[in-house]
């Protein structure tokens, strides 16, 4: 990194697989909540808001990274926390409705992980879930939440590494100012 460039443009969050997965999670959750939860059920809005928060905080965090690694890491952590809240809601739904949460070694879970690893387009899931029951949709969402969680953690680790290598905005600004004086 050239020392005079202390405000580098960050990548487009829409290109991040983590963001794409959370968009899929949001679309699935929106459909699931409106299809399988009653209109007066508070969980409906809470699930949609948790899914939205997972997605939106990635966008906000990555954008904030231009001037604040701290904000980026905190917002990515909020995204993770929101997705874990949503995960528990899906697990609760399966449990209280006597439906099965697939174990990791269940063939359906293995197949689901493979499919979810290959597809990051929300249009794919919006079409696929229309032919699935509540149990299957919840397990697809759970799989995607786990995958997004790992990806967000990797983004946080990358941000930490960038901070260790480049410092914070104040350090970068000082280096750029000093380099400019030498010109």
Protein backbone atom coordinates (compact mmCIF):
# COMPACT_ATOMS: atom_id res chain seq x y z
CA UNK A 1 0.00 0.00 0.00
CA UNK A 2 1.40 3.41 -0.93
CA UNK A 3 1.70 5.55 2.17
CA UNK A 4 -0.20 8.48 0.63
CA UNK A 5 -3.28 6.32 0.08
CA UNK A 6 -4.86 6.30 3.51
CA UNK A 7 -8.45 6.09 2.28
CA UNK A 8 -8.37 3.09 -0.07
CA UNK A 9 -11.71 2.14 -1.53
CA UNK A 10 -12.91 -1.15 -0.11
CA UNK A 11 -14.37 -3.97 -2.12
CA UNK A 12 -17.97 -4.08 -3.17
CA UNK A 13 -19.86 -5.84 -0.37
CA UNK A 14 -22.30 -7.26 -2.92
CA UNK A 15 -19.45 -9.34 -4.32
CA UNK A 16 -18.74 -10.94 -0.93
CA UNK A 17 -20.02 -14.49 -0.65
CA UNK A 18 -20.95 -13.78 2.96
CA UNK A 19 -23.24 -10.95 1.85
CA UNK A 20 -24.72 -13.07 -0.94
CA UNK A 21 -25.47 -15.89 1.51
CA UNK A 22 -27.13 -13.49 3.94
CA UNK A 23 -29.28 -12.16 1.13
CA UNK A 24 -30.38 -15.75 0.47
CA UNK A 25 -31.06 -16.19 4.19
CA UNK A 26 -33.16 -13.02 4.24
CA UNK A 27 -35.24 -14.10 1.23
CA UNK A 28 -35.78 -17.59 2.66
CA UNK A 29 -36.72 -16.16 6.05
CA UNK A 30 -39.14 -13.68 4.54
CA UNK A 31 -40.91 -16.48 2.67
CA UNK A 32 -40.76 -18.89 5.63
CA UNK A 33 -42.13 -16.35 8.09
CA UNK A 34 -45.00 -15.31 5.85
CA UNK A 35 -45.83 -18.90 4.92
CA UNK A 36 -45.47 -20.81 8.19
CA UNK A 37 -45.93 -18.22 10.96
CA UNK A 38 -49.21 -16.52 11.79
CA UNK A 39 -49.70 -12.84 11.05
CA UNK A 40 -49.92 -11.94 14.74
CA UNK A 41 -46.89 -14.03 15.71
CA UNK A 42 -44.14 -11.71 17.02
CA UNK A 43 -41.55 -14.27 15.94
CA UNK A 44 -42.40 -13.50 12.32
CA UNK A 45 -41.16 -9.92 12.52
CA UNK A 46 -38.25 -10.85 14.79
CA UNK A 47 -36.98 -13.48 12.35
CA UNK A 48 -37.25 -11.11 9.41
CA UNK A 49 -35.46 -8.38 11.34
CA UNK A 50 -32.68 -10.74 12.46
CA UNK A 51 -32.17 -11.89 8.86
CA UNK A 52 -32.19 -8.29 7.68
CA UNK A 53 -29.70 -7.27 10.36
CA UNK A 54 -27.35 -10.07 9.32
CA UNK A 55 -27.30 -8.76 5.78
CA UNK A 56 -27.38 -5.03 6.43
CA UNK A 57 -24.59 -5.07 9.01
CA UNK A 58 -22.24 -6.71 6.53
CA UNK A 59 -22.95 -3.91 4.06
CA UNK A 60 -22.53 -1.24 6.71
CA UNK A 61 -19.41 -2.83 8.20
CA UNK A 62 -17.60 -3.27 4.92
CA UNK A 63 -18.45 0.30 3.94
CA UNK A 64 -17.29 1.65 7.32
CA UNK A 65 -13.94 -0.12 6.87
CA UNK A 66 -12.67 2.76 4.73
CA UNK A 67 -12.13 4.80 7.87
CA UNK A 68 -12.60 2.41 10.79
CA UNK A 69 -11.53 -1.20 11.16
CA UNK A 70 -13.05 -1.11 14.63
CA UNK A 71 -16.47 -0.22 13.21
CA UNK A 72 -16.10 -2.88 10.55
CA UNK A 73 -15.31 -5.60 13.09
CA UNK A 74 -18.09 -4.50 15.45
CA UNK A 75 -20.69 -4.41 12.67
CA UNK A 76 -19.60 -7.78 11.31
CA UNK A 77 -19.98 -9.13 14.83
CA UNK A 78 -23.50 -7.69 15.00
CA UNK A 79 -24.24 -9.52 11.73
CA UNK A 80 -22.99 -12.78 13.31
CA UNK A 81 -25.03 -12.20 16.45
CA UNK A 82 -28.18 -11.48 14.44
CA UNK A 83 -27.72 -14.65 12.43
CA UNK A 84 -27.29 -16.66 15.64
CA UNK A 85 -30.54 -15.18 16.93
CA UNK A 86 -32.19 -16.30 13.70
CA UNK A 87 -30.58 -19.74 13.99
CA UNK A 88 -32.15 -20.22 17.41
CA UNK A 89 -35.54 -19.16 16.02
CA UNK A 90 -35.33 -21.81 13.30
CA UNK A 91 -34.21 -24.43 15.84
CA UNK A 92 -37.09 -23.43 18.14
CA UNK A 93 -39.57 -23.68 15.27
CA UNK A 94 -38.43 -27.20 14.42
CA UNK A 95 -38.47 -28.31 18.06
CA UNK A 96 -41.89 -26.94 19.07
CA UNK A 97 -43.48 -28.21 15.86
CA UNK A 98 -42.03 -31.71 16.33
CA UNK A 99 -40.01 -31.41 13.15
CA UNK A 100 -36.50 -32.72 12.65
CA UNK A 101 -33.35 -30.66 12.67
CA UNK A 102 -31.03 -32.67 10.48
CA UNK A 103 -27.86 -33.93 12.15
CA UNK A 104 -24.54 -33.18 10.47
CA UNK A 105 -24.17 -36.75 9.21
CA UNK A 106 -27.75 -37.02 7.91
CA UNK A 107 -27.67 -37.55 4.14
CA UNK A 108 -30.16 -34.69 3.67
CA UNK A 109 -27.84 -32.34 5.58
CA UNK A 110 -24.82 -33.48 3.59
CA UNK A 111 -26.65 -32.89 0.32
CA UNK A 112 -27.96 -29.56 1.59
CA UNK A 113 -24.44 -28.38 2.49
CA UNK A 114 -23.23 -29.31 -1.00
CA UNK A 115 -26.04 -27.44 -2.72
CA UNK A 116 -25.74 -24.40 -0.44
CA UNK A 117 -21.98 -24.27 -0.99
CA UNK A 118 -22.57 -24.04 -4.76
CA UNK A 119 -25.44 -21.54 -4.79
CA UNK A 120 -25.18 -17.97 -3.55
CA UNK A 121 -27.95 -16.45 -5.68
CA UNK A 122 -31.13 -15.58 -3.83
CA UNK A 123 -33.18 -16.27 -6.97
CA UNK A 124 -32.15 -19.94 -6.78
CA UNK A 125 -33.54 -20.30 -3.26
CA UNK A 126 -36.67 -18.23 -3.89
CA UNK A 127 -37.59 -20.75 -6.57
CA UNK A 128 -36.41 -23.91 -4.78
CA UNK A 129 -38.17 -23.28 -1.46
CA UNK A 130 -41.61 -22.93 -3.03
CA UNK A 131 -41.64 -26.72 -3.51
CA UNK A 132 -40.37 -27.54 0.00
CA UNK A 133 -42.03 -28.07 3.38
CA UNK A 134 -41.31 -26.11 6.57
CA UNK A 135 -38.83 -28.68 7.90
CA UNK A 136 -36.74 -28.66 4.74
CA UNK A 137 -36.79 -24.87 4.40
CA UNK A 138 -35.77 -24.40 8.03
CA UNK A 139 -32.89 -26.85 7.59
CA UNK A 140 -31.76 -25.07 4.40
CA UNK A 141 -31.78 -21.77 6.31
CA UNK A 142 -29.83 -23.34 9.18
CA UNK A 143 -27.23 -24.64 6.74
CA UNK A 144 -26.85 -21.24 5.10
CA UNK A 145 -26.60 -19.52 8.49
CA UNK A 146 -23.72 -21.80 9.48
CA UNK A 147 -21.97 -21.14 6.17
CA UNK A 148 -22.45 -17.37 6.47
CA UNK A 149 -21.21 -17.47 10.06
CA UNK A 150 -17.91 -19.01 8.98
CA UNK A 151 -17.53 -16.51 6.15
CA UNK A 152 -18.23 -13.53 8.40
CA UNK A 153 -15.69 -14.81 10.90
CA UNK A 154 -13.12 -14.97 8.08
CA UNK A 155 -13.97 -11.36 7.13
CA UNK A 156 -13.40 -10.34 10.73
CA UNK A 157 -10.06 -12.14 10.80
CA UNK A 158 -9.05 -10.44 7.55
CA UNK A 159 -9.97 -7.06 8.98
CA UNK A 160 -7.90 -7.80 12.07
CA UNK A 161 -4.93 -8.76 9.89
CA UNK A 162 -5.32 -5.60 7.79
CA UNK A 163 -5.27 -3.52 10.96
CA UNK A 164 -2.14 -5.28 12.22
CA UNK A 165 -0.37 -4.75 8.89
CA UNK A 166 -1.57 -1.23 8.04
CA UNK A 167 -2.64 0.27 11.33
CA UNK A 168 -5.70 2.41 11.89
CA UNK A 169 -6.82 5.48 9.99
CA UNK A 170 -4.81 7.87 12.22
CA UNK A 171 -1.60 5.95 11.62
CA UNK A 172 -2.29 5.83 7.89
CA UNK A 173 -3.04 9.55 7.79
CA UNK A 174 0.18 10.36 9.64
CA UNK A 175 2.22 8.20 7.25
CA UNK A 176 0.56 9.87 4.26
CA UNK A 177 1.18 13.36 5.65
CA UNK A 178 4.84 12.59 6.33
CA UNK A 179 5.27 11.05 2.88
CA UNK A 180 3.65 14.12 1.32
CA UNK A 181 6.10 16.41 3.13
CA UNK A 182 9.01 14.51 1.58
CA UNK A 183 7.76 15.29 -1.95
